[in-house]
Structures are given as structure tokens and as C-alpha cells.
Amino acid sequence: MKNLAFVDGQNLYLGTMQNNWKADHSKLRVYLKDKYNAIEAYYFLGYVSEDQQTLYNSLQKAGFIVSFKEHNKELLAKKKGNVDTDIVFEAMKTLIENKDFDRIVLVSGDGDYKKLVDYLISKDKFEKILFPNKEFASSLYKSLGSEYYDYLDNVKTHIEHK
């Protein structure tokens, strides 16, 4: 089985930080590969900033394919890192282009992905959504069967940055 992983970087960061821990990018990438057979893992970030170059290097070194949200330079300071549409677009593009993969793993608790998740399930192209934070996982996912979701808190000891 060859799966693809899509990580909402802002959601992962904020979700774990609210529970007073931080994911180690290398450990997370290994976890996605070993547990979910993610042959490729895409990490979506909201904006580009030179002072974050260490983070970008860390993500690439860990094996993530880094994708940045496109912004107008004049509006950068006013924009938040909303990557939802980029993730939905890339997931749908992989389906349309018949990319060689079996299923998609999503790392986010954002309810904006619910329609995508439902569609992927209907096409047998969805593996799992991994919620960074139990308390803030969108209530829209309550109707999902437990086979379609898990919490990163459950594997915190394996993926936590120390």
C-alpha cells in the first residue's frame, strides 16, 4: 500500500502547543511512513519568512515536501496561514491525475476538510485523519467511524520533540 500524507502545519503546531508539546518533524515523518505507509508527505505552511528558514530546513531534512501558501507581499503581515484550499486542491489533483497511490492521510483537526474526507471515503481513497488536539478537533468529524481518525496525543511519546 502506498499512501500520501497531507499536514496542515499551522493546525499541527497550534494543536500540539495548546497541549504543551511540540511534534518532532523527523519523528512525525517516520511515524507517517511506518504506521501509514506514507511514501510522500506534504507539509503545508501559511507564509514564507526568512527568519523561519531553520524550520523549513528541518522539514525538508525530515523528508517532507514543503508547500507554501502564495500571498501578495504587500499583504503578508495581515494574512493568516490558511492552507485549507491548498490541501484540498492538491488532494483532488492527485485523484484527477490518477497519481499512483492508495489512500490519503490528513493531519489536522480543521472542519474545513470534512467535505474532502467524506468524498475520499466514498471513493475508498481515505486512510485516516490525525487530530493534533482532542479538545479542538472539529465536531463535524463526530459522525466518522473510529477507523477513520486517531489522535496524535495517543502517539505523543513516539513523535514529541524533546
N, C-alpha and C. Protein backbone atom coordinates (compact mmCIF):
# COMPACT_ATOMS: atom_id res chain seq x y z
N MET A 1 0.84 -1.18 0.00
CA MET A 1 0.00 0.00 0.00
C MET A 1 0.89 1.25 0.00
N LYS A 2 0.54 2.18 -0.86
CA LYS A 2 1.28 3.45 -0.97
C LYS A 2 0.32 4.59 -0.69
N ASN A 3 0.53 5.24 0.45
CA ASN A 3 -0.33 6.34 0.85
C ASN A 3 0.40 7.68 0.74
N LEU A 4 -0.38 8.75 0.72
CA LEU A 4 0.14 10.11 0.73
C LEU A 4 -0.34 10.78 2.01
N ALA A 5 0.49 11.63 2.60
CA ALA A 5 0.10 12.37 3.80
C ALA A 5 0.10 13.86 3.49
N PHE A 6 -0.91 14.54 4.03
CA PHE A 6 -1.03 15.99 3.90
C PHE A 6 -1.13 16.56 5.32
N VAL A 7 -0.19 17.44 5.66
CA VAL A 7 -0.11 18.01 7.01
C VAL A 7 -0.42 19.50 6.95
N ASP A 8 -1.43 19.90 7.72
CA ASP A 8 -1.74 21.33 7.90
C ASP A 8 -0.80 21.80 9.01
N GLY A 9 0.31 22.42 8.61
CA GLY A 9 1.36 22.79 9.55
C GLY A 9 0.92 23.69 10.68
N GLN A 10 0.11 24.68 10.37
CA GLN A 10 -0.36 25.61 11.41
C GLN A 10 -1.27 24.87 12.41
N ASN A 11 -2.14 24.02 11.89
CA ASN A 11 -3.05 23.28 12.75
C ASN A 11 -2.27 22.32 13.65
N LEU A 12 -1.27 21.67 13.08
CA LEU A 12 -0.43 20.77 13.87
C LEU A 12 0.29 21.54 14.97
N TYR A 13 0.91 22.64 14.61
CA TYR A 13 1.67 23.43 15.57
C TYR A 13 0.77 23.96 16.69
N LEU A 14 -0.32 24.63 16.33
CA LEU A 14 -1.20 25.20 17.35
C LEU A 14 -1.87 24.13 18.19
N GLY A 15 -2.28 23.04 17.57
CA GLY A 15 -2.96 21.97 18.30
C GLY A 15 -2.09 21.31 19.34
N THR A 16 -0.84 21.06 18.99
CA THR A 16 0.05 20.42 19.96
C THR A 16 0.53 21.41 21.01
N MET A 17 0.79 22.64 20.61
CA MET A 17 1.24 23.65 21.57
C MET A 17 0.17 23.93 22.63
N GLN A 18 -1.09 23.83 22.26
CA GLN A 18 -2.16 24.04 23.24
C GLN A 18 -2.15 22.94 24.30
N ASN A 19 -1.56 21.81 23.98
CA ASN A 19 -1.42 20.73 24.95
C ASN A 19 0.00 20.65 25.51
N ASN A 20 0.75 21.74 25.33
CA ASN A 20 2.09 21.88 25.91
C ASN A 20 3.12 20.87 25.40
N TRP A 21 3.04 20.55 24.10
CA TRP A 21 4.09 19.75 23.49
C TRP A 21 4.23 20.14 22.03
N LYS A 22 5.29 19.66 21.43
CA LYS A 22 5.59 20.00 20.04
C LYS A 22 6.02 18.74 19.31
N ALA A 23 5.54 18.57 18.09
CA ALA A 23 5.92 17.40 17.31
C ALA A 23 7.33 17.56 16.75
N ASP A 24 8.09 16.49 16.79
CA ASP A 24 9.40 16.44 16.16
C ASP A 24 9.16 16.05 14.70
N HIS A 25 9.59 16.90 13.77
CA HIS A 25 9.28 16.67 12.36
C HIS A 25 9.85 15.36 11.83
N SER A 26 11.06 15.02 12.23
CA SER A 26 11.66 13.77 11.77
C SER A 26 10.90 12.57 12.30
N LYS A 27 10.55 12.62 13.58
CA LYS A 27 9.80 11.50 14.18
C LYS A 27 8.40 11.39 13.57
N LEU A 28 7.76 12.52 13.30
CA LEU A 28 6.44 12.51 12.68
C LEU A 28 6.51 11.90 11.29
N ARG A 29 7.53 12.28 10.53
CA ARG A 29 7.67 11.74 9.17
C ARG A 29 7.88 10.24 9.20
N VAL A 30 8.72 9.76 10.11
CA VAL A 30 8.95 8.32 10.26
C VAL A 30 7.65 7.62 10.67
N TYR A 31 6.92 8.22 11.59
CA TYR A 31 5.64 7.66 12.03
C TYR A 31 4.66 7.53 10.86
N LEU A 32 4.55 8.57 10.06
CA LEU A 32 3.64 8.53 8.91
C LEU A 32 4.06 7.45 7.91
N LYS A 33 5.35 7.28 7.76
CA LYS A 33 5.86 6.26 6.84
C LYS A 33 5.63 4.86 7.40
N ASP A 34 6.01 4.65 8.65
CA ASP A 34 5.93 3.31 9.24
C ASP A 34 4.49 2.88 9.54
N LYS A 35 3.70 3.76 10.11
CA LYS A 35 2.34 3.40 10.52
C LYS A 35 1.34 3.42 9.35
N TYR A 36 1.50 4.42 8.47
CA TYR A 36 0.50 4.63 7.41
C TYR A 36 1.05 4.47 6.00
N ASN A 37 2.27 3.97 5.89
CA ASN A 37 2.87 3.73 4.58
C ASN A 37 2.84 4.97 3.69
N ALA A 38 3.09 6.12 4.28
CA ALA A 38 3.09 7.38 3.52
C ALA A 38 4.39 7.48 2.74
N ILE A 39 4.30 7.22 1.44
CA ILE A 39 5.50 7.28 0.60
C ILE A 39 5.92 8.72 0.34
N GLU A 40 4.94 9.63 0.38
CA GLU A 40 5.20 11.06 0.28
C GLU A 40 4.40 11.76 1.36
N ALA A 41 5.00 12.80 1.93
CA ALA A 41 4.31 13.58 2.95
C ALA A 41 4.50 15.06 2.64
N TYR A 42 3.38 15.74 2.47
CA TYR A 42 3.38 17.16 2.12
C TYR A 42 3.06 17.97 3.37
N TYR A 43 3.86 18.98 3.63
CA TYR A 43 3.69 19.83 4.81
C TYR A 43 3.37 21.23 4.31
N PHE A 44 2.17 21.71 4.62
CA PHE A 44 1.69 22.99 4.13
C PHE A 44 1.87 24.07 5.18
N LEU A 45 2.47 25.18 4.75
CA LEU A 45 2.74 26.31 5.63
C LEU A 45 2.08 27.56 5.07
N GLY A 46 1.72 28.45 5.97
CA GLY A 46 0.97 29.63 5.58
C GLY A 46 1.74 30.73 4.90
N TYR A 47 2.99 30.92 5.21
CA TYR A 47 3.71 32.04 4.61
C TYR A 47 5.21 31.80 4.69
N VAL A 48 5.92 32.56 3.90
CA VAL A 48 7.37 32.46 3.86
C VAL A 48 7.97 33.63 4.63
N SER A 49 8.90 33.31 5.49
CA SER A 49 9.59 34.35 6.26
C SER A 49 11.04 33.90 6.43
N GLU A 50 11.97 34.79 6.12
CA GLU A 50 13.39 34.44 6.21
C GLU A 50 13.80 34.00 7.61
N ASP A 51 13.16 34.54 8.64
CA ASP A 51 13.54 34.17 9.99
C ASP A 51 13.05 32.77 10.38
N GLN A 52 12.30 32.12 9.50
CA GLN A 52 11.83 30.75 9.74
C GLN A 52 12.60 29.72 8.92
N GLN A 53 13.73 30.12 8.34
CA GLN A 53 14.50 29.23 7.47
C GLN A 53 14.92 27.95 8.18
N THR A 54 15.21 28.02 9.48
CA THR A 54 15.59 26.82 10.23
C THR A 54 14.45 25.81 10.23
N LEU A 55 13.21 26.28 10.40
CA LEU A 55 12.05 25.40 10.34
C LEU A 55 11.93 24.75 8.97
N TYR A 56 12.05 25.53 7.91
CA TYR A 56 11.92 24.99 6.55
C TYR A 56 12.99 23.95 6.27
N ASN A 57 14.21 24.23 6.71
CA ASN A 57 15.30 23.26 6.53
C ASN A 57 15.02 21.97 7.30
N SER A 58 14.50 22.12 8.52
CA SER A 58 14.17 20.96 9.35
C SER A 58 13.11 20.09 8.68
N LEU A 59 12.09 20.71 8.11
CA LEU A 59 11.03 19.97 7.44
C LEU A 59 11.56 19.20 6.24
N GLN A 60 12.39 19.86 5.46
CA GLN A 60 12.96 19.20 4.28
C GLN A 60 13.91 18.08 4.68
N LYS A 61 14.70 18.32 5.67
CA LYS A 61 15.63 17.29 6.15
C LYS A 61 14.87 16.07 6.68
N ALA A 62 13.71 16.31 7.28
CA ALA A 62 12.88 15.22 7.80
C ALA A 62 12.21 14.41 6.69
N GLY A 63 12.20 14.96 5.48
CA GLY A 63 11.62 14.23 4.36
C GLY A 63 10.27 14.73 3.90
N PHE A 64 9.85 15.88 4.40
CA PHE A 64 8.58 16.46 3.96
C PHE A 64 8.78 17.23 2.66
N ILE A 65 7.76 17.23 1.83
CA ILE A 65 7.70 18.10 0.67
C ILE A 65 6.97 19.34 1.16
N VAL A 66 7.67 20.46 1.20
CA VAL A 66 7.14 21.68 1.81
C VAL A 66 6.40 22.50 0.76
N SER A 67 5.20 22.93 1.12
CA SER A 67 4.37 23.74 0.23
C SER A 67 3.95 25.01 0.98
N PHE A 68 4.24 26.16 0.37
CA PHE A 68 3.94 27.44 0.99
C PHE A 68 2.69 28.05 0.36
N LYS A 69 1.91 28.72 1.19
CA LYS A 69 0.74 29.45 0.72
C LYS A 69 1.20 30.68 -0.03
N GLU A 70 0.66 30.89 -1.22
CA GLU A 70 1.01 32.06 -2.01
C GLU A 70 0.28 33.28 -1.46
N HIS A 71 1.04 34.38 -1.23
CA HIS A 71 0.47 35.62 -0.72
C HIS A 71 1.02 36.80 -1.48
N ASN A 72 0.25 37.85 -1.53
CA ASN A 72 0.70 39.12 -2.06
C ASN A 72 1.66 39.70 -1.03
N LYS A 73 2.85 40.08 -1.44
CA LYS A 73 3.87 40.56 -0.50
C LYS A 73 3.41 41.76 0.33
N GLU A 74 2.60 42.64 -0.25
CA GLU A 74 2.14 43.82 0.49
C GLU A 74 1.18 43.44 1.62
N LEU A 75 0.52 42.29 1.50
CA LEU A 75 -0.48 41.90 2.50
C LEU A 75 0.02 40.83 3.46
N LEU A 76 1.27 40.44 3.35
CA LEU A 76 1.79 39.34 4.17
C LEU A 76 1.54 39.53 5.66
N ALA A 77 1.77 40.71 6.18
CA ALA A 77 1.62 40.93 7.62
C ALA A 77 0.18 40.80 8.08
N LYS A 78 -0.77 40.94 7.17
CA LYS A 78 -2.18 40.89 7.54
C LYS A 78 -2.81 39.51 7.32
N LYS A 79 -2.08 38.60 6.71
CA LYS A 79 -2.62 37.29 6.36
C LYS A 79 -2.34 36.27 7.45
N LYS A 80 -3.29 35.37 7.63
CA LYS A 80 -3.02 34.23 8.50
C LYS A 80 -2.61 33.06 7.61
N GLY A 81 -2.11 32.01 8.18
CA GLY A 81 -1.57 30.91 7.41
C GLY A 81 -2.59 29.89 6.96
N ASN A 82 -3.67 30.30 6.35
CA ASN A 82 -4.75 29.42 5.95
C ASN A 82 -4.37 28.62 4.71
N VAL A 83 -4.16 27.32 4.88
CA VAL A 83 -3.73 26.46 3.77
C VAL A 83 -4.81 25.46 3.36
N ASP A 84 -6.00 25.60 3.88
CA ASP A 84 -7.06 24.63 3.64
C ASP A 84 -7.31 24.39 2.16
N THR A 85 -7.49 25.46 1.40
CA THR A 85 -7.81 25.27 -0.02
C THR A 85 -6.63 24.65 -0.75
N ASP A 86 -5.41 24.96 -0.35
CA ASP A 86 -4.25 24.36 -1.00
C ASP A 86 -4.22 22.85 -0.78
N ILE A 87 -4.51 22.41 0.42
CA ILE A 87 -4.52 20.98 0.71
C ILE A 87 -5.64 20.29 -0.06
N VAL A 88 -6.83 20.87 -0.06
CA VAL A 88 -7.95 20.28 -0.80
C VAL A 88 -7.60 20.20 -2.28
N PHE A 89 -7.03 21.28 -2.82
CA PHE A 89 -6.66 21.29 -4.23
C PHE A 89 -5.66 20.19 -4.55
N GLU A 90 -4.61 20.08 -3.75
CA GLU A 90 -3.57 19.07 -4.02
C GLU A 90 -4.12 17.65 -3.88
N ALA A 91 -4.99 17.42 -2.91
CA ALA A 91 -5.60 16.10 -2.75
C ALA A 91 -6.45 15.75 -3.97
N MET A 92 -7.26 16.68 -4.40
CA MET A 92 -8.12 16.43 -5.57
C MET A 92 -7.28 16.28 -6.84
N LYS A 93 -6.21 17.04 -6.94
CA LYS A 93 -5.33 16.94 -8.11
C LYS A 93 -4.72 15.54 -8.21
N THR A 94 -4.36 14.96 -7.06
CA THR A 94 -3.79 13.61 -7.09
C THR A 94 -4.81 12.60 -7.60
N LEU A 95 -6.08 12.82 -7.29
CA LEU A 95 -7.14 11.94 -7.80
C LEU A 95 -7.34 12.11 -9.30
N ILE A 96 -7.45 13.35 -9.72
CA ILE A 96 -7.71 13.65 -11.13
C ILE A 96 -6.57 13.15 -12.02
N GLU A 97 -5.35 13.34 -11.56
CA GLU A 97 -4.19 12.93 -12.34
C GLU A 97 -3.87 11.44 -12.19
N ASN A 98 -4.71 10.73 -11.46
CA ASN A 98 -4.50 9.30 -11.23
C ASN A 98 -3.10 8.98 -10.73
N LYS A 99 -2.64 9.79 -9.81
CA LYS A 99 -1.32 9.56 -9.22
C LYS A 99 -1.31 8.19 -8.56
N ASP A 100 -0.18 7.54 -8.61
CA ASP A 100 -0.04 6.18 -8.10
C ASP A 100 0.01 6.18 -6.56
N PHE A 101 -1.16 6.08 -5.96
CA PHE A 101 -1.25 6.00 -4.50
C PHE A 101 -2.54 5.26 -4.15
N ASP A 102 -2.61 4.80 -2.92
CA ASP A 102 -3.80 4.08 -2.48
C ASP A 102 -4.76 4.98 -1.71
N ARG A 103 -4.23 5.63 -0.66
CA ARG A 103 -5.09 6.45 0.20
C ARG A 103 -4.36 7.68 0.72
N ILE A 104 -5.16 8.57 1.29
CA ILE A 104 -4.64 9.82 1.84
C ILE A 104 -4.79 9.83 3.36
N VAL A 105 -3.73 10.30 4.02
CA VAL A 105 -3.72 10.53 5.46
C VAL A 105 -3.66 12.05 5.64
N LEU A 106 -4.50 12.57 6.50
CA LEU A 106 -4.56 14.01 6.74
C LEU A 106 -4.22 14.29 8.19
N VAL A 107 -3.36 15.28 8.44
CA VAL A 107 -3.03 15.71 9.80
C VAL A 107 -3.61 17.10 10.00
N SER A 108 -4.73 17.16 10.72
CA SER A 108 -5.40 18.42 11.02
C SER A 108 -6.64 18.12 11.84
N GLY A 109 -7.13 19.13 12.54
CA GLY A 109 -8.40 19.00 13.25
C GLY A 109 -9.43 19.95 12.69
N ASP A 110 -9.08 20.62 11.61
CA ASP A 110 -9.89 21.66 11.00
C ASP A 110 -11.10 21.06 10.28
N GLY A 111 -12.27 21.55 10.59
CA GLY A 111 -13.51 21.06 9.98
C GLY A 111 -13.65 21.40 8.51
N ASP A 112 -12.82 22.31 8.01
CA ASP A 112 -12.90 22.69 6.60
C ASP A 112 -12.59 21.52 5.67
N TYR A 113 -11.99 20.46 6.18
CA TYR A 113 -11.65 19.31 5.34
C TYR A 113 -12.75 18.24 5.31
N LYS A 114 -13.83 18.44 6.03
CA LYS A 114 -14.86 17.40 6.17
C LYS A 114 -15.41 16.95 4.82
N LYS A 115 -15.69 17.87 3.93
CA LYS A 115 -16.24 17.51 2.62
C LYS A 115 -15.23 16.66 1.83
N LEU A 116 -13.96 17.03 1.89
CA LEU A 116 -12.91 16.26 1.24
C LEU A 116 -12.83 14.86 1.85
N VAL A 117 -12.84 14.78 3.16
CA VAL A 117 -12.76 13.49 3.85
C VAL A 117 -13.93 12.60 3.43
N ASP A 118 -15.13 13.13 3.44
CA ASP A 118 -16.31 12.35 3.03
C ASP A 118 -16.17 11.84 1.60
N TYR A 119 -15.70 12.69 0.72
CA TYR A 119 -15.55 12.30 -0.69
C TYR A 119 -14.49 11.20 -0.83
N LEU A 120 -13.36 11.37 -0.16
CA LEU A 120 -12.30 10.37 -0.25
C LEU A 120 -12.76 9.03 0.32
N ILE A 121 -13.54 9.07 1.40
CA ILE A 121 -14.09 7.83 1.96
C ILE A 121 -15.00 7.15 0.94
N SER A 122 -15.84 7.93 0.27
CA SER A 122 -16.77 7.36 -0.72
C SER A 122 -16.04 6.73 -1.90
N LYS A 123 -14.83 7.17 -2.16
CA LYS A 123 -14.02 6.63 -3.26
C LYS A 123 -12.98 5.61 -2.78
N ASP A 124 -13.04 5.25 -1.50
CA ASP A 124 -12.08 4.33 -0.89
C ASP A 124 -10.64 4.83 -1.05
N LYS A 125 -10.47 6.15 -0.88
CA LYS A 125 -9.16 6.78 -1.02
C LYS A 125 -8.74 7.49 0.27
N PHE A 126 -9.41 7.18 1.37
CA PHE A 126 -9.09 7.84 2.63
C PHE A 126 -8.62 6.82 3.65
N GLU A 127 -7.48 7.10 4.28
CA GLU A 127 -6.94 6.22 5.30
C GLU A 127 -7.32 6.70 6.70
N LYS A 128 -6.93 7.96 7.04
CA LYS A 128 -7.12 8.41 8.42
C LYS A 128 -6.91 9.91 8.51
N ILE A 129 -7.63 10.54 9.45
CA ILE A 129 -7.33 11.91 9.84
C ILE A 129 -6.73 11.84 11.24
N LEU A 130 -5.61 12.50 11.41
CA LEU A 130 -4.92 12.51 12.70
C LEU A 130 -5.10 13.89 13.31
N PHE A 131 -5.82 13.93 14.42
CA PHE A 131 -6.11 15.19 15.10
C PHE A 131 -4.95 15.55 16.03
N PRO A 132 -4.39 16.75 15.90
CA PRO A 132 -3.31 17.17 16.79
C PRO A 132 -3.77 17.40 18.23
N ASN A 133 -5.07 17.63 18.43
CA ASN A 133 -5.56 18.01 19.74
C ASN A 133 -6.98 17.46 19.92
N LYS A 134 -7.20 16.65 20.94
CA LYS A 134 -8.52 16.04 21.17
C LYS A 134 -9.61 17.08 21.41
N GLU A 135 -9.28 18.09 22.19
CA GLU A 135 -10.29 19.08 22.58
C GLU A 135 -10.74 19.98 21.43
N PHE A 136 -9.88 20.17 20.44
CA PHE A 136 -10.21 21.11 19.39
C PHE A 136 -10.41 20.47 18.02
N ALA A 137 -10.59 19.16 17.98
CA ALA A 137 -10.96 18.50 16.73
C ALA A 137 -12.38 18.94 16.40
N SER A 138 -12.60 19.32 15.16
CA SER A 138 -13.91 19.84 14.77
C SER A 138 -15.02 18.84 15.06
N SER A 139 -16.13 19.34 15.56
CA SER A 139 -17.29 18.50 15.84
C SER A 139 -17.89 17.92 14.55
N LEU A 140 -17.53 18.46 13.41
CA LEU A 140 -18.01 17.93 12.13
C LEU A 140 -17.58 16.47 11.92
N TYR A 141 -16.50 16.08 12.57
CA TYR A 141 -15.98 14.72 12.39
C TYR A 141 -16.62 13.69 13.32
N LYS A 142 -17.53 14.13 14.18
CA LYS A 142 -18.14 13.20 15.13
C LYS A 142 -18.86 12.04 14.46
N SER A 143 -19.32 12.24 13.23
CA SER A 143 -20.04 11.18 12.52
C SER A 143 -19.11 10.16 11.87
N LEU A 144 -17.80 10.43 11.87
CA LEU A 144 -16.85 9.49 11.29
C LEU A 144 -16.72 8.26 12.17
N GLY A 145 -16.56 7.13 11.54
CA GLY A 145 -16.27 5.93 12.31
C GLY A 145 -14.86 5.99 12.86
N SER A 146 -14.62 5.34 13.98
CA SER A 146 -13.31 5.42 14.63
C SER A 146 -12.19 4.85 13.77
N GLU A 147 -12.52 4.08 12.76
CA GLU A 147 -11.48 3.57 11.86
C GLU A 147 -10.88 4.66 10.99
N TYR A 148 -11.53 5.84 10.95
CA TYR A 148 -11.08 6.93 10.08
C TYR A 148 -10.36 8.06 10.83
N TYR A 149 -10.19 7.95 12.14
CA TYR A 149 -9.49 9.02 12.85
C TYR A 149 -8.69 8.48 14.02
N ASP A 150 -7.72 9.29 14.42
CA ASP A 150 -6.94 8.99 15.61
C ASP A 150 -6.40 10.33 16.13
N TYR A 151 -5.82 10.30 17.31
CA TYR A 151 -5.29 11.49 17.95
C TYR A 151 -3.78 11.37 18.09
N LEU A 152 -3.08 12.43 17.73
CA LEU A 152 -1.62 12.42 17.88
C LEU A 152 -1.21 12.31 19.34
N ASP A 153 -2.07 12.74 20.25
CA ASP A 153 -1.78 12.57 21.68
C ASP A 153 -1.52 11.10 22.02
N ASN A 154 -2.17 10.19 21.29
CA ASN A 154 -2.00 8.75 21.54
C ASN A 154 -0.60 8.25 21.20
N VAL A 155 0.12 8.99 20.37
CA VAL A 155 1.48 8.60 19.99
C VAL A 155 2.50 9.67 20.36
N LYS A 156 2.10 10.54 21.26
CA LYS A 156 2.94 11.66 21.67
C LYS A 156 4.33 11.20 22.07
N THR A 157 4.44 10.12 22.82
CA THR A 157 5.74 9.66 23.29
C THR A 157 6.66 9.27 22.13
N HIS A 158 6.10 8.90 20.97
CA HIS A 158 6.90 8.50 19.81
C HIS A 158 7.29 9.67 18.92
N ILE A 159 6.50 10.75 18.94
CA ILE A 159 6.73 11.84 17.98
C ILE A 159 7.04 13.19 18.63
N GLU A 160 7.08 13.23 19.94
CA GLU A 160 7.30 14.50 20.64
C GLU A 160 8.74 15.00 20.48
N HIS A 161 8.87 16.29 20.30
CA HIS A 161 10.18 16.95 20.28
C HIS A 161 10.67 17.08 21.71
N LYS A 162 11.87 16.62 21.97
CA LYS A 162 12.40 16.68 23.33
C LYS A 162 13.55 17.63 23.41
